[in-house]
Amino acid sequence: MPLGQTTCYIIAYDIPNDRRRTKVHKILCGFGAWTQFSLFECFLSKKELVQLKAKLAQHLDEQQDHVRFYPLCTTCLSKVETVGGKLPEEDTVFII
């Protein structure tokens, strides 16, 4: 992958602990788009992928938590379809 090029990763997680799951969700929000309740789409460079995995590792319990990274090639990405309801939304709080 040339410098500056990104790959789309589908990142899915299964984390039984609410506190760890919330932390993982917040970390992933900084790297990509929340598309399902435990699923993100992230366009990452190799460096960003390493950074993300390092941040996640600080908060995961290796015995209970699972995070999976599925890379999508450009051809596969163009074939992604969505059927059903709208995407999940983060609650936005404005403090004035």
PDB file of N, CA and C in Angstrom:
ATOM      1  N   MET A   1       0.851  -1.167   0.000  1.00  0.00           N
ATOM      2  CA  MET A   1       0.000   0.000   0.000  1.00  0.00           C
ATOM      3  C   MET A   1       0.898   1.232   0.000  1.00  0.00           C
ATOM      4  N   PRO A   2       0.790   2.115  -1.006  1.00  0.00           N
ATOM      5  CA  PRO A   2       1.596   3.328  -1.047  1.00  0.00           C
ATOM      6  C   PRO A   2       1.308   4.251   0.130  1.00  0.00           C
ATOM      7  N   LEU A   3       2.277   5.106   0.437  1.00  0.00           N
ATOM      8  CA  LEU A   3       2.141   6.045   1.547  1.00  0.00           C
ATOM      9  C   LEU A   3       0.886   6.890   1.379  1.00  0.00           C
ATOM     10  N   GLY A   4       0.107   7.038   2.425  1.00  0.00           N
ATOM     11  CA  GLY A   4      -1.098   7.851   2.390  1.00  0.00           C
ATOM     12  C   GLY A   4      -2.339   7.112   1.926  1.00  0.00           C
ATOM     13  N   GLN A   5      -2.179   5.908   1.376  1.00  0.00           N
ATOM     14  CA  GLN A   5      -3.331   5.143   0.908  1.00  0.00           C
ATOM     15  C   GLN A   5      -4.000   4.453   2.090  1.00  0.00           C
ATOM     16  N   THR A   6      -5.322   4.340   2.022  1.00  0.00           N
ATOM     17  CA  THR A   6      -6.056   3.700   3.115  1.00  0.00           C
ATOM     18  C   THR A   6      -6.792   2.466   2.605  1.00  0.00           C
ATOM     19  N   THR A   7      -7.122   1.602   3.541  1.00  0.00           N
ATOM     20  CA  THR A   7      -7.935   0.420   3.288  1.00  0.00           C
ATOM     21  C   THR A   7      -9.174   0.529   4.162  1.00  0.00           C
ATOM     22  N   CYS A   8     -10.306   0.112   3.625  1.00  0.00           N
ATOM     23  CA  CYS A   8     -11.527   0.084   4.424  1.00  0.00           C
ATOM     24  C   CYS A   8     -11.529  -1.199   5.248  1.00  0.00           C
ATOM     25  N   TYR A   9     -11.731  -1.051   6.545  1.00  0.00           N
ATOM     26  CA  TYR A   9     -11.849  -2.195   7.448  1.00  0.00           C
ATOM     27  C   TYR A   9     -13.228  -2.186   8.065  1.00  0.00           C
ATOM     28  N   ILE A  10     -13.867  -3.333   8.056  1.00  0.00           N
ATOM     29  CA  ILE A  10     -15.075  -3.535   8.841  1.00  0.00           C
ATOM     30  C   ILE A  10     -14.586  -4.080  10.173  1.00  0.00           C
ATOM     31  N   ILE A  11     -14.907  -3.390  11.246  1.00  0.00           N
ATOM     32  CA  ILE A  11     -14.436  -3.781  12.576  1.00  0.00           C
ATOM     33  C   ILE A  11     -15.648  -4.133  13.416  1.00  0.00           C
ATOM     34  N   ALA A  12     -15.679  -5.381  13.852  1.00  0.00           N
ATOM     35  CA  ALA A  12     -16.784  -5.888  14.662  1.00  0.00           C
ATOM     36  C   ALA A  12     -16.244  -6.273  16.030  1.00  0.00           C
ATOM     37  N   TYR A  13     -17.040  -6.046  17.065  1.00  0.00           N
ATOM     38  CA  TYR A  13     -16.576  -6.397  18.402  1.00  0.00           C
ATOM     39  C   TYR A  13     -17.683  -7.062  19.211  1.00  0.00           C
ATOM     40  N   ASP A  14     -17.242  -7.920  20.112  1.00  0.00           N
ATOM     41  CA  ASP A  14     -18.132  -8.619  21.045  1.00  0.00           C
ATOM     42  C   ASP A  14     -17.471  -8.503  22.407  1.00  0.00           C
ATOM     43  N   ILE A  15     -18.006  -7.622  23.238  1.00  0.00           N
ATOM     44  CA  ILE A  15     -17.409  -7.325  24.537  1.00  0.00           C
ATOM     45  C   ILE A  15     -18.520  -7.357  25.584  1.00  0.00           C
ATOM     46  N   PRO A  16     -18.491  -8.324  26.515  1.00  0.00           N
ATOM     47  CA  PRO A  16     -19.587  -8.482  27.465  1.00  0.00           C
ATOM     48  C   PRO A  16     -19.648  -7.410  28.558  1.00  0.00           C
ATOM     49  N   ASN A  17     -18.539  -6.768  28.850  1.00  0.00           N
ATOM     50  CA  ASN A  17     -18.486  -5.787  29.924  1.00  0.00           C
ATOM     51  C   ASN A  17     -18.878  -4.402  29.402  1.00  0.00           C
ATOM     52  N   ASP A  18     -19.893  -3.775  30.015  1.00  0.00           N
ATOM     53  CA  ASP A  18     -20.396  -2.480  29.547  1.00  0.00           C
ATOM     54  C   ASP A  18     -19.312  -1.401  29.523  1.00  0.00           C
ATOM     55  N   ARG A  19     -18.519  -1.320  30.557  1.00  0.00           N
ATOM     56  CA  ARG A  19     -17.500  -0.273  30.648  1.00  0.00           C
ATOM     57  C   ARG A  19     -16.446  -0.423  29.540  1.00  0.00           C
ATOM     58  N   ARG A  20     -15.950  -1.650  29.336  1.00  0.00           N
ATOM     59  CA  ARG A  20     -14.955  -1.876  28.285  1.00  0.00           C
ATOM     60  C   ARG A  20     -15.574  -1.666  26.901  1.00  0.00           C
ATOM     61  N   ARG A  21     -16.813  -2.114  26.721  1.00  0.00           N
ATOM     62  CA  ARG A  21     -17.489  -1.951  25.435  1.00  0.00           C
ATOM     63  C   ARG A  21     -17.666  -0.471  25.100  1.00  0.00           C
ATOM     64  N   THR A  22     -18.041   0.325  26.084  1.00  0.00           N
ATOM     65  CA  THR A  22     -18.200   1.760  25.874  1.00  0.00           C
ATOM     66  C   THR A  22     -16.868   2.397  25.508  1.00  0.00           C
ATOM     67  N   LYS A  23     -15.794   1.996  26.181  1.00  0.00           N
ATOM     68  CA  LYS A  23     -14.470   2.542  25.887  1.00  0.00           C
ATOM     69  C   LYS A  23     -14.041   2.185  24.467  1.00  0.00           C
ATOM     70  N   VAL A  24     -14.245   0.930  24.062  1.00  0.00           N
ATOM     71  CA  VAL A  24     -13.898   0.493  22.708  1.00  0.00           C
ATOM     72  C   VAL A  24     -14.722   1.273  21.688  1.00  0.00           C
ATOM     73  N   HIS A  25     -15.999   1.454  21.952  1.00  0.00           N
ATOM     74  CA  HIS A  25     -16.870   2.213  21.057  1.00  0.00           C
ATOM     75  C   HIS A  25     -16.332   3.632  20.876  1.00  0.00           C
ATOM     76  N   LYS A  26     -15.952   4.290  21.960  1.00  0.00           N
ATOM     77  CA  LYS A  26     -15.437   5.663  21.887  1.00  0.00           C
ATOM     78  C   LYS A  26     -14.126   5.727  21.103  1.00  0.00           C
ATOM     79  N   ILE A  27     -13.259   4.754  21.299  1.00  0.00           N
ATOM     80  CA  ILE A  27     -11.998   4.714  20.543  1.00  0.00           C
ATOM     81  C   ILE A  27     -12.298   4.569  19.057  1.00  0.00           C
ATOM     82  N   LEU A  28     -13.175   3.640  18.708  1.00  0.00           N
ATOM     83  CA  LEU A  28     -13.499   3.407  17.299  1.00  0.00           C
ATOM     84  C   LEU A  28     -14.169   4.624  16.662  1.00  0.00           C
ATOM     85  N   CYS A  29     -14.948   5.373  17.430  1.00  0.00           N
ATOM     86  CA  CYS A  29     -15.572   6.591  16.898  1.00  0.00           C
ATOM     87  C   CYS A  29     -14.523   7.582  16.395  1.00  0.00           C
ATOM     88  N   GLY A  30     -13.336   7.551  16.993  1.00  0.00           N
ATOM     89  CA  GLY A  30     -12.262   8.437  16.563  1.00  0.00           C
ATOM     90  C   GLY A  30     -11.567   7.976  15.291  1.00  0.00           C
ATOM     91  N   PHE A  31     -11.914   6.790  14.808  1.00  0.00           N
ATOM     92  CA  PHE A  31     -11.239   6.241  13.635  1.00  0.00           C
ATOM     93  C   PHE A  31     -12.170   5.972  12.454  1.00  0.00           C
ATOM     94  N   GLY A  32     -13.483   5.937  12.689  1.00  0.00           N
ATOM     95  CA  GLY A  32     -14.369   5.600  11.577  1.00  0.00           C
ATOM     96  C   GLY A  32     -15.827   5.853  11.873  1.00  0.00           C
ATOM     97  N   ALA A  33     -16.678   5.257  11.047  1.00  0.00           N
ATOM     98  CA  ALA A  33     -18.123   5.475  11.123  1.00  0.00           C
ATOM     99  C   ALA A  33     -18.819   4.286  11.777  1.00  0.00           C
ATOM    100  N   TRP A  34     -19.673   4.587  12.736  1.00  0.00           N
ATOM    101  CA  TRP A  34     -20.478   3.579  13.427  1.00  0.00           C
ATOM    102  C   TRP A  34     -21.636   3.215  12.507  1.00  0.00           C
ATOM    103  N   THR A  35     -21.710   1.952  12.060  1.00  0.00           N
ATOM    104  CA  THR A  35     -22.726   1.565  11.088  1.00  0.00           C
ATOM    105  C   THR A  35     -23.734   0.551  11.621  1.00  0.00           C
ATOM    106  N   GLN A  36     -23.369  -0.204  12.634  1.00  0.00           N
ATOM    107  CA  GLN A  36     -24.262  -1.145  13.307  1.00  0.00           C
ATOM    108  C   GLN A  36     -23.905  -1.070  14.790  1.00  0.00           C
ATOM    109  N   PHE A  37     -24.676  -1.684  15.650  1.00  0.00           N
ATOM    110  CA  PHE A  37     -24.438  -1.525  17.076  1.00  0.00           C
ATOM    111  C   PHE A  37     -23.039  -1.959  17.515  1.00  0.00           C
ATOM    112  N   SER A  38     -22.485  -2.995  16.955  1.00  0.00           N
ATOM    113  CA  SER A  38     -21.128  -3.422  17.302  1.00  0.00           C
ATOM    114  C   SER A  38     -20.249  -3.509  16.063  1.00  0.00           C
ATOM    115  N   LEU A  39     -20.449  -2.560  15.139  1.00  0.00           N
ATOM    116  CA  LEU A  39     -19.734  -2.609  13.875  1.00  0.00           C
ATOM    117  C   LEU A  39     -19.376  -1.203  13.391  1.00  0.00           C
ATOM    118  N   PHE A  40     -18.133  -1.061  12.945  1.00  0.00           N
ATOM    119  CA  PHE A  40     -17.643   0.207  12.402  1.00  0.00           C
ATOM    120  C   PHE A  40     -17.052  -0.015  11.025  1.00  0.00           C
ATOM    121  N   GLU A  41     -17.093   1.017  10.192  1.00  0.00           N
ATOM    122  CA  GLU A  41     -16.369   1.062   8.926  1.00  0.00           C
ATOM    123  C   GLU A  41     -15.288   2.119   9.089  1.00  0.00           C
ATOM    124  N   CYS A  42     -14.038   1.712   8.915  1.00  0.00           N
ATOM    125  CA  CYS A  42     -12.914   2.620   9.118  1.00  0.00           C
ATOM    126  C   CYS A  42     -11.985   2.587   7.915  1.00  0.00           C
ATOM    127  N   PHE A  43     -11.641   3.747   7.370  1.00  0.00           N
ATOM    128  CA  PHE A  43     -10.633   3.851   6.322  1.00  0.00           C
ATOM    129  C   PHE A  43      -9.324   4.195   7.011  1.00  0.00           C
ATOM    130  N   LEU A  44      -8.389   3.234   7.010  1.00  0.00           N
ATOM    131  CA  LEU A  44      -7.171   3.362   7.791  1.00  0.00           C
ATOM    132  C   LEU A  44      -5.923   3.141   6.946  1.00  0.00           C
ATOM    133  N   SER A  45      -4.902   3.939   7.233  1.00  0.00           N
ATOM    134  CA  SER A  45      -3.579   3.669   6.686  1.00  0.00           C
ATOM    135  C   SER A  45      -2.950   2.570   7.545  1.00  0.00           C
ATOM    136  N   LYS A  46      -1.812   2.061   7.125  1.00  0.00           N
ATOM    137  CA  LYS A  46      -1.129   1.048   7.932  1.00  0.00           C
ATOM    138  C   LYS A  46      -0.786   1.607   9.314  1.00  0.00           C
ATOM    139  N   LYS A  47      -0.338   2.854   9.344  1.00  0.00           N
ATOM    140  CA  LYS A  47       0.029   3.487  10.622  1.00  0.00           C
ATOM    141  C   LYS A  47      -1.187   3.630  11.533  1.00  0.00           C
ATOM    142  N   GLU A  48      -2.304   4.068  10.974  1.00  0.00           N
ATOM    143  CA  GLU A  48      -3.527   4.216  11.774  1.00  0.00           C
ATOM    144  C   GLU A  48      -4.025   2.876  12.288  1.00  0.00           C
ATOM    145  N   LEU A  49      -3.896   1.834  11.481  1.00  0.00           N
ATOM    146  CA  LEU A  49      -4.304   0.498  11.911  1.00  0.00           C
ATOM    147  C   LEU A  49      -3.483   0.054  13.113  1.00  0.00           C
ATOM    148  N   VAL A  50      -2.185   0.277  13.068  1.00  0.00           N
ATOM    149  CA  VAL A  50      -1.314  -0.075  14.201  1.00  0.00           C
ATOM    150  C   VAL A  50      -1.697   0.738  15.433  1.00  0.00           C
ATOM    151  N   GLN A  51      -1.938   2.044  15.251  1.00  0.00           N
ATOM    152  CA  GLN A  51      -2.329   2.900  16.376  1.00  0.00           C
ATOM    153  C   GLN A  51      -3.649   2.448  16.992  1.00  0.00           C
ATOM    154  N   LEU A  52      -4.616   2.128  16.154  1.00  0.00           N
ATOM    155  CA  LEU A  52      -5.920   1.684  16.642  1.00  0.00           C
ATOM    156  C   LEU A  52      -5.789   0.390  17.438  1.00  0.00           C
ATOM    157  N   LYS A  53      -5.072  -0.574  16.895  1.00  0.00           N
ATOM    158  CA  LYS A  53      -4.907  -1.848  17.603  1.00  0.00           C
ATOM    159  C   LYS A  53      -4.210  -1.649  18.944  1.00  0.00           C
ATOM    160  N   ALA A  54      -3.237  -0.754  19.004  1.00  0.00           N
ATOM    161  CA  ALA A  54      -2.531  -0.482  20.264  1.00  0.00           C
ATOM    162  C   ALA A  54      -3.472   0.150  21.289  1.00  0.00           C
ATOM    163  N   LYS A  55      -4.290   1.107  20.857  1.00  0.00           N
ATOM    164  CA  LYS A  55      -5.247   1.740  21.778  1.00  0.00           C
ATOM    165  C   LYS A  55      -6.261   0.729  22.292  1.00  0.00           C
ATOM    166  N   LEU A  56      -6.770  -0.103  21.397  1.00  0.00           N
ATOM    167  CA  LEU A  56      -7.757  -1.103  21.809  1.00  0.00           C
ATOM    168  C   LEU A  56      -7.157  -2.100  22.794  1.00  0.00           C
ATOM    169  N   ALA A  57      -5.932  -2.519  22.542  1.00  0.00           N
ATOM    170  CA  ALA A  57      -5.281  -3.522  23.396  1.00  0.00           C
ATOM    171  C   ALA A  57      -5.189  -3.071  24.847  1.00  0.00           C
ATOM    172  N   GLN A  58      -5.117  -1.781  25.080  1.00  0.00           N
ATOM    173  CA  GLN A  58      -5.031  -1.243  26.444  1.00  0.00           C
ATOM    174  C   GLN A  58      -6.310  -1.473  27.239  1.00  0.00           C
ATOM    175  N   HIS A  59      -7.413  -1.732  26.548  1.00  0.00           N
ATOM    176  CA  HIS A  59      -8.716  -1.800  27.226  1.00  0.00           C
ATOM    177  C   HIS A  59      -9.420  -3.146  27.101  1.00  0.00           C
ATOM    178  N   LEU A  60      -8.822  -4.088  26.396  1.00  0.00           N
ATOM    179  CA  LEU A  60      -9.480  -5.371  26.172  1.00  0.00           C
ATOM    180  C   LEU A  60      -9.047  -6.428  27.173  1.00  0.00           C
ATOM    181  N   ASP A  61      -9.959  -7.298  27.525  1.00  0.00           N
ATOM    182  CA  ASP A  61      -9.674  -8.488  28.317  1.00  0.00           C
ATOM    183  C   ASP A  61      -9.534  -9.631  27.313  1.00  0.00           C
ATOM    184  N   GLU A  62      -8.329 -10.138  27.140  1.00  0.00           N
ATOM    185  CA  GLU A  62      -8.068 -11.153  26.117  1.00  0.00           C
ATOM    186  C   GLU A  62      -8.877 -12.428  26.315  1.00  0.00           C
ATOM    187  N   GLN A  63      -9.332 -12.686  27.521  1.00  0.00           N
ATOM    188  CA  GLN A  63     -10.111 -13.894  27.797  1.00  0.00           C
ATOM    189  C   GLN A  63     -11.581 -13.743  27.422  1.00  0.00           C
ATOM    190  N   GLN A  64     -12.099 -12.509  27.404  1.00  0.00           N
ATOM    191  CA  GLN A  64     -13.534 -12.299  27.200  1.00  0.00           C
ATOM    192  C   GLN A  64     -13.883 -11.493  25.958  1.00  0.00           C
ATOM    193  N   ASP A  65     -13.012 -10.594  25.544  1.00  0.00           N
ATOM    194  CA  ASP A  65     -13.345  -9.638  24.486  1.00  0.00           C
ATOM    195  C   ASP A  65     -12.801 -10.083  23.130  1.00  0.00           C
ATOM    196  N   HIS A  66     -13.545  -9.733  22.093  1.00  0.00           N
ATOM    197  CA  HIS A  66     -13.135 -10.079  20.736  1.00  0.00           C
ATOM    198  C   HIS A  66     -13.367  -8.887  19.820  1.00  0.00           C
ATOM    199  N   VAL A  67     -12.335  -8.519  19.068  1.00  0.00           N
ATOM    200  CA  VAL A  67     -12.439  -7.475  18.052  1.00  0.00           C
ATOM    201  C   VAL A  67     -11.895  -8.079  16.759  1.00  0.00           C
ATOM    202  N   ARG A  68     -12.677  -7.978  15.688  1.00  0.00           N
ATOM    203  CA  ARG A  68     -12.268  -8.558  14.397  1.00  0.00           C
ATOM    204  C   ARG A  68     -12.146  -7.454  13.363  1.00  0.00           C
ATOM    205  N   PHE A  69     -11.111  -7.549  12.538  1.00  0.00           N
ATOM    206  CA  PHE A  69     -10.834  -6.591  11.473  1.00  0.00           C
ATOM    207  C   PHE A  69     -10.987  -7.302  10.131  1.00  0.00           C
ATOM    208  N   TYR A  70     -11.916  -6.830   9.306  1.00  0.00           N
ATOM    209  CA  TYR A  70     -12.146  -7.400   7.985  1.00  0.00           C
ATOM    210  C   TYR A  70     -11.764  -6.356   6.937  1.00  0.00           C
ATOM    211  N   PRO A  71     -10.643  -6.531   6.221  1.00  0.00           N
ATOM    212  CA  PRO A  71     -10.290  -5.564   5.175  1.00  0.00           C
ATOM    213  C   PRO A  71     -11.164  -5.779   3.936  1.00  0.00           C
ATOM    214  N   LEU A  72     -11.571  -4.683   3.312  1.00  0.00           N
ATOM    215  CA  LEU A  72     -12.344  -4.753   2.076  1.00  0.00           C
ATOM    216  C   LEU A  72     -11.534  -4.125   0.943  1.00  0.00           C
ATOM    217  N   CYS A  73     -11.411  -4.846  -0.158  1.00  0.00           N
ATOM    218  CA  CYS A  73     -10.739  -4.280  -1.325  1.00  0.00           C
ATOM    219  C   CYS A  73     -11.681  -3.272  -1.991  1.00  0.00           C
ATOM    220  N   THR A  74     -11.157  -2.473  -2.905  1.00  0.00           N
ATOM    221  CA  THR A  74     -11.955  -1.453  -3.586  1.00  0.00           C
ATOM    222  C   THR A  74     -13.125  -2.073  -4.341  1.00  0.00           C
ATOM    223  N   THR A  75     -12.895  -3.202  -4.979  1.00  0.00           N
ATOM    224  CA  THR A  75     -13.965  -3.877  -5.721  1.00  0.00           C
ATOM    225  C   THR A  75     -15.077  -4.320  -4.778  1.00  0.00           C
ATOM    226  N   CYS A  76     -14.695  -4.920  -3.657  1.00  0.00           N
ATOM    227  CA  CYS A  76     -15.697  -5.367  -2.678  1.00  0.00           C
ATOM    228  C   CYS A  76     -16.441  -4.182  -2.076  1.00  0.00           C
ATOM    229  N   LEU A  77     -15.728  -3.112  -1.804  1.00  0.00           N
ATOM    230  CA  LEU A  77     -16.333  -1.926  -1.199  1.00  0.00           C
ATOM    231  C   LEU A  77     -17.424  -1.350  -2.100  1.00  0.00           C
ATOM    232  N   SER A  78     -17.201  -1.389  -3.409  1.00  0.00           N
ATOM    233  CA  SER A  78     -18.189  -0.841  -4.340  1.00  0.00           C
ATOM    234  C   SER A  78     -19.446  -1.704  -4.405  1.00  0.00           C
ATOM    235  N   LYS A  79     -19.394  -2.921  -3.876  1.00  0.00           N
ATOM    236  CA  LYS A  79     -20.541  -3.834  -3.913  1.00  0.00           C
ATOM    237  C   LYS A  79     -21.309  -3.891  -2.597  1.00  0.00           C
ATOM    238  N   VAL A  80     -20.916  -3.096  -1.618  1.00  0.00           N
ATOM    239  CA  VAL A  80     -21.594  -3.101  -0.320  1.00  0.00           C
ATOM    240  C   VAL A  80     -23.016  -2.584  -0.498  1.00  0.00           C
ATOM    241  N   GLU A  81     -23.971  -3.288   0.082  1.00  0.00           N
ATOM    242  CA  GLU A  81     -25.380  -2.901   0.035  1.00  0.00           C
ATOM    243  C   GLU A  81     -25.920  -2.772   1.454  1.00  0.00           C
ATOM    244  N   THR A  82     -26.841  -1.857   1.635  1.00  0.00           N
ATOM    245  CA  THR A  82     -27.515  -1.710   2.914  1.00  0.00           C
ATOM    246  C   THR A  82     -29.001  -1.933   2.694  1.00  0.00           C
ATOM    247  N   VAL A  83     -29.592  -2.787   3.489  1.00  0.00           N
ATOM    248  CA  VAL A  83     -31.020  -3.068   3.410  1.00  0.00           C
ATOM    249  C   VAL A  83     -31.597  -2.828   4.800  1.00  0.00           C
ATOM    250  N   GLY A  84     -32.691  -2.124   4.889  1.00  0.00           N
ATOM    251  CA  GLY A  84     -33.325  -1.937   6.189  1.00  0.00           C
ATOM    252  C   GLY A  84     -33.260  -0.512   6.671  1.00  0.00           C
ATOM    253  N   GLY A  85     -33.373  -0.379   7.992  1.00  0.00           N
ATOM    254  CA  GLY A  85     -33.505   0.914   8.646  1.00  0.00           C
ATOM    255  C   GLY A  85     -32.278   1.799   8.568  1.00  0.00           C
ATOM    256  N   LYS A  86     -32.409   2.950   9.195  1.00  0.00           N
ATOM    257  CA  LYS A  86     -31.329   3.936   9.177  1.00  0.00           C
ATOM    258  C   LYS A  86     -30.163   3.482  10.057  1.00  0.00           C
ATOM    259  N   LEU A  87     -29.025   4.112   9.851  1.00  0.00           N
ATOM    260  CA  LEU A  87     -27.821   3.816  10.611  1.00  0.00           C
ATOM    261  C   LEU A  87     -27.959   4.323  12.040  1.00  0.00           C
ATOM    262  N   PRO A  88     -27.240   3.719  12.987  1.00  0.00           N
ATOM    263  CA  PRO A  88     -27.299   4.221  14.369  1.00  0.00           C
ATOM    264  C   PRO A  88     -26.695   5.612  14.458  1.00  0.00           C
ATOM    265  N   GLU A  89     -27.135   6.395  15.431  1.00  0.00           N
ATOM    266  CA  GLU A  89     -26.648   7.756  15.606  1.00  0.00           C
ATOM    267  C   GLU A  89     -26.126   7.935  17.013  1.00  0.00           C
ATOM    268  N   GLU A  90     -25.047   8.698  17.120  1.00  0.00           N
ATOM    269  CA  GLU A  90     -24.531   9.079  18.431  1.00  0.00           C
ATOM    270  C   GLU A  90     -25.432  10.185  18.984  1.00  0.00           C
ATOM    271  N   ASP A  91     -25.690  10.164  20.282  1.00  0.00           N
ATOM    272  CA  ASP A  91     -26.391  11.268  20.911  1.00  0.00           C
ATOM    273  C   ASP A  91     -25.446  12.459  20.952  1.00  0.00           C
ATOM    274  N   THR A  92     -25.897  13.605  20.492  1.00  0.00           N
ATOM    275  CA  THR A  92     -25.079  14.805  20.483  1.00  0.00           C
ATOM    276  C   THR A  92     -25.564  15.732  21.583  1.00  0.00           C
ATOM    277  N   VAL A  93     -24.637  16.190  22.388  1.00  0.00           N
ATOM    278  CA  VAL A  93     -24.970  17.103  23.466  1.00  0.00           C
ATOM    279  C   VAL A  93     -24.268  18.413  23.194  1.00  0.00           C
ATOM    280  N   PHE A  94     -25.038  19.515  23.190  1.00  0.00           N
ATOM    281  CA  PHE A  94     -24.477  20.840  23.006  1.00  0.00           C
ATOM    282  C   PHE A  94     -24.543  21.584  24.330  1.00  0.00           C
ATOM    283  N   ILE A  95     -23.403  22.080  24.773  1.00  0.00           N
ATOM    284  CA  ILE A  95     -23.345  22.843  26.018  1.00  0.00           C
ATOM    285  C   ILE A  95     -23.012  24.295  25.642  1.00  0.00           C
ATOM    286  N   ILE A  96     -23.892  25.203  26.056  1.00  0.00           N
ATOM    287  CA  ILE A  96     -23.702  26.609  25.709  1.00  0.00           C
ATOM    288  C   ILE A  96     -23.385  27.405  26.954  1.00  0.00           C
TER     289      ILE A  96
END
